[in-house]
C-alpha atoms as a PDB file:
ATOM      1  CA  UNK A   1       5.009  -0.247 -23.875  1.00  0.00           C
ATOM      2  CA  UNK A   2       7.773   1.969 -24.992  1.00  0.00           C
ATOM      3  CA  UNK A   3      10.734   3.719 -23.441  1.00  0.00           C
ATOM      4  CA  UNK A   4      11.277   1.120 -20.730  1.00  0.00           C
ATOM      5  CA  UNK A   5      14.580  -0.515 -19.854  1.00  0.00           C
ATOM      6  CA  UNK A   6      14.775  -4.329 -20.008  1.00  0.00           C
ATOM      7  CA  UNK A   7      14.605  -4.441 -16.191  1.00  0.00           C
ATOM      8  CA  UNK A   8      11.541  -2.206 -16.144  1.00  0.00           C
ATOM      9  CA  UNK A   9       9.841  -4.344 -18.808  1.00  0.00           C
ATOM     10  CA  UNK A  10      10.569  -7.437 -16.749  1.00  0.00           C
ATOM     11  CA  UNK A  11       8.985  -5.812 -13.678  1.00  0.00           C
ATOM     12  CA  UNK A  12       5.929  -4.813 -15.723  1.00  0.00           C
ATOM     13  CA  UNK A  13       5.350  -8.137 -17.476  1.00  0.00           C
ATOM     14  CA  UNK A  14       6.156 -10.609 -14.685  1.00  0.00           C
ATOM     15  CA  UNK A  15       2.721 -11.515 -13.396  1.00  0.00           C
ATOM     16  CA  UNK A  16       3.115 -14.882 -11.681  1.00  0.00           C
ATOM     17  CA  UNK A  17       5.446 -13.552  -8.992  1.00  0.00           C
ATOM     18  CA  UNK A  18       5.603 -10.647  -6.602  1.00  0.00           C
ATOM     19  CA  UNK A  19       7.918  -7.870  -7.715  1.00  0.00           C
ATOM     20  CA  UNK A  20       9.807  -5.233  -5.770  1.00  0.00           C
ATOM     21  CA  UNK A  21      10.755  -2.080  -7.660  1.00  0.00           C
ATOM     22  CA  UNK A  22      13.425   0.090  -6.075  1.00  0.00           C
ATOM     23  CA  UNK A  23      15.376   2.958  -7.585  1.00  0.00           C
ATOM     24  CA  UNK A  24      16.247   6.581  -6.991  1.00  0.00           C
ATOM     25  CA  UNK A  25      13.870   9.518  -7.119  1.00  0.00           C
ATOM     26  CA  UNK A  26      12.633  10.409 -10.592  1.00  0.00           C
ATOM     27  CA  UNK A  27      13.687   7.087 -12.120  1.00  0.00           C
ATOM     28  CA  UNK A  28      10.190   6.012 -13.177  1.00  0.00           C
ATOM     29  CA  UNK A  29       9.200   3.642 -10.352  1.00  0.00           C
ATOM     30  CA  UNK A  30       5.625   4.900 -10.232  1.00  0.00           C
ATOM     31  CA  UNK A  31       5.317   4.689 -14.024  1.00  0.00           C
ATOM     32  CA  UNK A  32       6.551   1.084 -13.934  1.00  0.00           C
ATOM     33  CA  UNK A  33       4.137   0.164 -11.133  1.00  0.00           C
ATOM     34  CA  UNK A  34       1.203   1.771 -12.955  1.00  0.00           C
ATOM     35  CA  UNK A  35       2.041  -0.153 -16.144  1.00  0.00           C
ATOM     36  CA  UNK A  36       2.438  -3.362 -14.125  1.00  0.00           C
ATOM     37  CA  UNK A  37      -0.955  -2.816 -12.485  1.00  0.00           C
ATOM     38  CA  UNK A  38      -2.637  -2.328 -15.875  1.00  0.00           C
ATOM     39  CA  UNK A  39      -0.700  -5.218 -17.442  1.00  0.00           C
ATOM     40  CA  UNK A  40      -1.914  -7.609 -14.737  1.00  0.00           C
ATOM     41  CA  UNK A  41      -5.517  -6.611 -15.428  1.00  0.00           C
ATOM     42  CA  UNK A  42      -5.083  -6.900 -19.211  1.00  0.00           C
ATOM     43  CA  UNK A  43      -3.306 -10.268 -18.971  1.00  0.00           C
ATOM     44  CA  UNK A  44      -6.103 -11.662 -16.818  1.00  0.00           C
ATOM     45  CA  UNK A  45      -8.702 -10.448 -19.298  1.00  0.00           C
ATOM     46  CA  UNK A  46      -6.840 -11.942 -22.283  1.00  0.00           C
ATOM     47  CA  UNK A  47      -6.438 -15.281 -20.482  1.00  0.00           C
ATOM     48  CA  UNK A  48     -10.181 -15.294 -19.739  1.00  0.00           C
ATOM     49  CA  UNK A  49      -9.296 -15.252 -16.029  1.00  0.00           C
ATOM     50  CA  UNK A  50     -10.203 -11.677 -15.171  1.00  0.00           C
ATOM     51  CA  UNK A  51      -8.581 -10.139 -12.134  1.00  0.00           C
ATOM     52  CA  UNK A  52     -10.236  -7.257 -10.349  1.00  0.00           C
ATOM     53  CA  UNK A  53      -8.359  -4.079  -9.463  1.00  0.00           C
ATOM     54  CA  UNK A  54      -9.400  -4.657  -5.853  1.00  0.00           C
ATOM     55  CA  UNK A  55      -7.380  -7.906  -5.847  1.00  0.00           C
ATOM     56  CA  UNK A  56      -4.050  -6.221  -6.592  1.00  0.00           C
ATOM     57  CA  UNK A  57      -1.894  -5.039  -3.706  1.00  0.00           C
ATOM     58  CA  UNK A  58       0.519  -2.216  -4.493  1.00  0.00           C
ATOM     59  CA  UNK A  59       2.602  -0.889  -1.600  1.00  0.00           C
ATOM     60  CA  UNK A  60       4.609   2.311  -1.825  1.00  0.00           C
ATOM     61  CA  UNK A  61       6.745   4.132   0.710  1.00  0.00           C
ATOM     62  CA  UNK A  62       4.755   7.339   1.172  1.00  0.00           C
ATOM     63  CA  UNK A  63       1.100   8.376   1.147  1.00  0.00           C
ATOM     64  CA  UNK A  64       1.963  10.896  -1.536  1.00  0.00           C
ATOM     65  CA  UNK A  65       3.395   8.168  -3.799  1.00  0.00           C
ATOM     66  CA  UNK A  66       0.385   5.918  -3.149  1.00  0.00           C
ATOM     67  CA  UNK A  67      -2.000   8.752  -4.016  1.00  0.00           C
ATOM     68  CA  UNK A  68      -0.033   9.595  -7.145  1.00  0.00           C
ATOM     69  CA  UNK A  69       0.028   5.969  -8.260  1.00  0.00           C
ATOM     70  CA  UNK A  70      -3.709   5.542  -7.704  1.00  0.00           C
ATOM     71  CA  UNK A  71      -4.417   8.730  -9.648  1.00  0.00           C
ATOM     72  CA  UNK A  72      -2.219   7.593 -12.548  1.00  0.00           C
ATOM     73  CA  UNK A  73      -3.903   4.172 -12.621  1.00  0.00           C
ATOM     74  CA  UNK A  74      -7.303   5.894 -12.585  1.00  0.00           C
ATOM     75  CA  UNK A  75      -6.292   8.254 -15.421  1.00  0.00           C
ATOM     76  CA  UNK A  76      -4.964   5.357 -17.498  1.00  0.00           C
ATOM     77  CA  UNK A  77      -8.180   3.405 -16.968  1.00  0.00           C
ATOM     78  CA  UNK A  78     -10.272   6.443 -17.927  1.00  0.00           C
ATOM     79  CA  UNK A  79      -8.246   6.767 -21.136  1.00  0.00           C
ATOM     80  CA  UNK A  80      -9.162   3.157 -21.983  1.00  0.00           C
ATOM     81  CA  UNK A  81     -12.913   3.778 -21.589  1.00  0.00           C
ATOM     82  CA  UNK A  82     -13.347   4.995 -25.193  1.00  0.00           C
ATOM     83  CA  UNK A  83     -12.575   1.539 -26.596  1.00  0.00           C
ATOM     84  CA  UNK A  84     -14.208  -0.350 -23.708  1.00  0.00           C
ATOM     85  CA  UNK A  85     -16.832  -2.375 -25.572  1.00  0.00           C
ATOM     86  CA  UNK A  86     -17.411  -4.965 -22.843  1.00  0.00           C
ATOM     87  CA  UNK A  87     -17.374  -2.626 -19.820  1.00  0.00           C
ATOM     88  CA  UNK A  88     -14.182  -4.129 -18.429  1.00  0.00           C
ATOM     89  CA  UNK A  89     -12.417  -0.829 -17.720  1.00  0.00           C
ATOM     90  CA  UNK A  90     -15.573   0.788 -16.360  1.00  0.00           C
ATOM     91  CA  UNK A  91     -15.845  -2.061 -13.860  1.00  0.00           C
ATOM     92  CA  UNK A  92     -12.147  -1.785 -13.005  1.00  0.00           C
ATOM     93  CA  UNK A  93     -12.547   1.928 -12.259  1.00  0.00           C
ATOM     94  CA  UNK A  94     -15.246   1.081  -9.719  1.00  0.00           C
ATOM     95  CA  UNK A  95     -13.150  -1.710  -8.205  1.00  0.00           C
ATOM     96  CA  UNK A  96     -10.081   0.545  -8.012  1.00  0.00           C
ATOM     97  CA  UNK A  97     -11.775   2.482  -5.206  1.00  0.00           C
ATOM     98  CA  UNK A  98     -11.848  -0.729  -3.153  1.00  0.00           C
ATOM     99  CA  UNK A  99      -8.295  -1.600  -4.129  1.00  0.00           C
ATOM    100  CA  UNK A 100      -5.125  -1.475  -2.111  1.00  0.00           C
ATOM    101  CA  UNK A 101      -2.668   1.061  -3.433  1.00  0.00           C
ATOM    102  CA  UNK A 102      -1.240   2.118  -0.119  1.00  0.00           C
ATOM    103  CA  UNK A 103       1.740   2.352   2.212  1.00  0.00           C
ATOM    104  CA  UNK A 104       2.954  -0.517   4.390  1.00  0.00           C
ATOM    105  CA  UNK A 105       1.372   1.295   7.346  1.00  0.00           C
ATOM    106  CA  UNK A 106      -1.923   1.614   5.495  1.00  0.00           C
ATOM    107  CA  UNK A 107      -1.872  -2.059   4.533  1.00  0.00           C
ATOM    108  CA  UNK A 108      -1.101  -3.196   8.091  1.00  0.00           C
ATOM    109  CA  UNK A 109      -3.782  -0.869   9.468  1.00  0.00           C
ATOM    110  CA  UNK A 110      -6.309  -2.426   7.103  1.00  0.00           C
ATOM    111  CA  UNK A 111      -5.327  -5.944   8.218  1.00  0.00           C
ATOM    112  CA  UNK A 112      -5.715  -4.930  11.863  1.00  0.00           C
ATOM    113  CA  UNK A 113      -9.078  -3.223  11.217  1.00  0.00           C
ATOM    114  CA  UNK A 114     -10.409  -6.262   9.331  1.00  0.00           C
ATOM    115  CA  UNK A 115      -9.281  -8.789  11.974  1.00  0.00           C
ATOM    116  CA  UNK A 116      -9.298  -7.135  15.429  1.00  0.00           C
ATOM    117  CA  UNK A 117     -10.920 -10.009  17.331  1.00  0.00           C
ATOM    118  CA  UNK A 118      -8.571 -12.613  15.859  1.00  0.00           C
ATOM    119  CA  UNK A 119      -5.629 -10.407  16.865  1.00  0.00           C
ATOM    120  CA  UNK A 120      -6.899  -9.687  20.372  1.00  0.00           C
ATOM    121  CA  UNK A 121      -7.447  -5.981  19.667  1.00  0.00           C
ATOM    122  CA  UNK A 122     -10.206  -3.640  20.734  1.00  0.00           C
ATOM    123  CA  UNK A 123     -12.298  -3.244  17.549  1.00  0.00           C
ATOM    124  CA  UNK A 124     -12.400   0.523  18.180  1.00  0.00           C
ATOM    125  CA  UNK A 125      -8.603   0.901  18.196  1.00  0.00           C
ATOM    126  CA  UNK A 126      -6.936   3.698  16.259  1.00  0.00           C
ATOM    127  CA  UNK A 127      -3.393   4.021  15.034  1.00  0.00           C
ATOM    128  CA  UNK A 128      -1.280   6.686  16.649  1.00  0.00           C
ATOM    129  CA  UNK A 129       0.151   9.411  14.481  1.00  0.00           C
ATOM    130  CA  UNK A 130       3.936   9.717  14.601  1.00  0.00           C
ATOM    131  CA  UNK A 131       3.918  12.641  17.053  1.00  0.00           C
ATOM    132  CA  UNK A 132       1.488  10.756  19.337  1.00  0.00           C
ATOM    133  CA  UNK A 133       3.662   7.651  19.288  1.00  0.00           C
ATOM    134  CA  UNK A 134       6.754   9.701  20.143  1.00  0.00           C
ATOM    135  CA  UNK A 135       4.941  11.411  23.019  1.00  0.00           C
ATOM    136  CA  UNK A 136       3.696   8.048  24.306  1.00  0.00           C
ATOM    137  CA  UNK A 137       7.200   6.586  24.124  1.00  0.00           C
ATOM    138  CA  UNK A 138       8.659   9.570  25.986  1.00  0.00           C
ATOM    139  CA  UNK A 139       6.028   9.229  28.713  1.00  0.00           C
ATOM    140  CA  UNK A 140       6.744   5.498  29.026  1.00  0.00           C
ATOM    141  CA  UNK A 141      10.472   6.177  29.340  1.00  0.00           C
ATOM    142  CA  UNK A 142       9.877   8.868  31.977  1.00  0.00           C
ATOM    143  CA  UNK A 143       7.626   6.505  33.945  1.00  0.00           C
ATOM    144  CA  UNK A 144      10.260   3.773  33.699  1.00  0.00           C
ATOM    145  CA  UNK A 145      13.012   6.093  34.972  1.00  0.00           C
ATOM    146  CA  UNK A 146      10.780   7.405  37.784  1.00  0.00           C
ATOM    147  CA  UNK A 147       9.922   3.856  38.863  1.00  0.00           C
ATOM    148  CA  UNK A 148      13.603   2.930  38.816  1.00  0.00           C
ATOM    149  CA  UNK A 149      14.529   5.970  40.928  1.00  0.00           C
ATOM    150  CA  UNK A 150      11.661   5.293  43.322  1.00  0.00           C
ATOM    151  CA  UNK A 151      12.781   1.674  43.707  1.00  0.00           C
ATOM    152  CA  UNK A 152      16.380   2.800  44.299  1.00  0.00           C
ATOM    153  CA  UNK A 153      15.265   5.199  47.039  1.00  0.00           C
ATOM    154  CA  UNK A 154      13.226   2.456  48.672  1.00  0.00           C
ATOM    155  CA  UNK A 155      16.208   0.092  48.626  1.00  0.00           C
ATOM    156  CA  UNK A 156      18.496   2.764  50.110  1.00  0.00           C
ATOM    157  CA  UNK A 157      16.083   3.501  52.976  1.00  0.00           C
END
């Protein structure tokens, strides 16, 4: 691991605690998170307590960042395949597809989809896109105002 600041190295190598990485655009956040992801897998393997890529939760702010991070993790794993004598990285590549490199919305959606009955939800629910949610909110507000005006008219009569 080269060209990392002490803070970045700490974020990469701290494996017994959750870590939040925040910094400005272009500062290397995704690179740090990719290295952290790989470091967690390697540390588990070395300690003879293997961790699967599907057991690591990585949350980013945008879908684009999540996709980029997953692609970088995949590329790094593929680069390790040449020296993969025990099949560890091949297995991790498969497990990566079941992993959770996502946004907070994606993570919450997955929790809701996996536990609808426990949460009192219709199992066939879908999440509204932003424009749908805004339209729904506007309609609710209009209905609320109309009901208030209707009630006012009734009281004045």
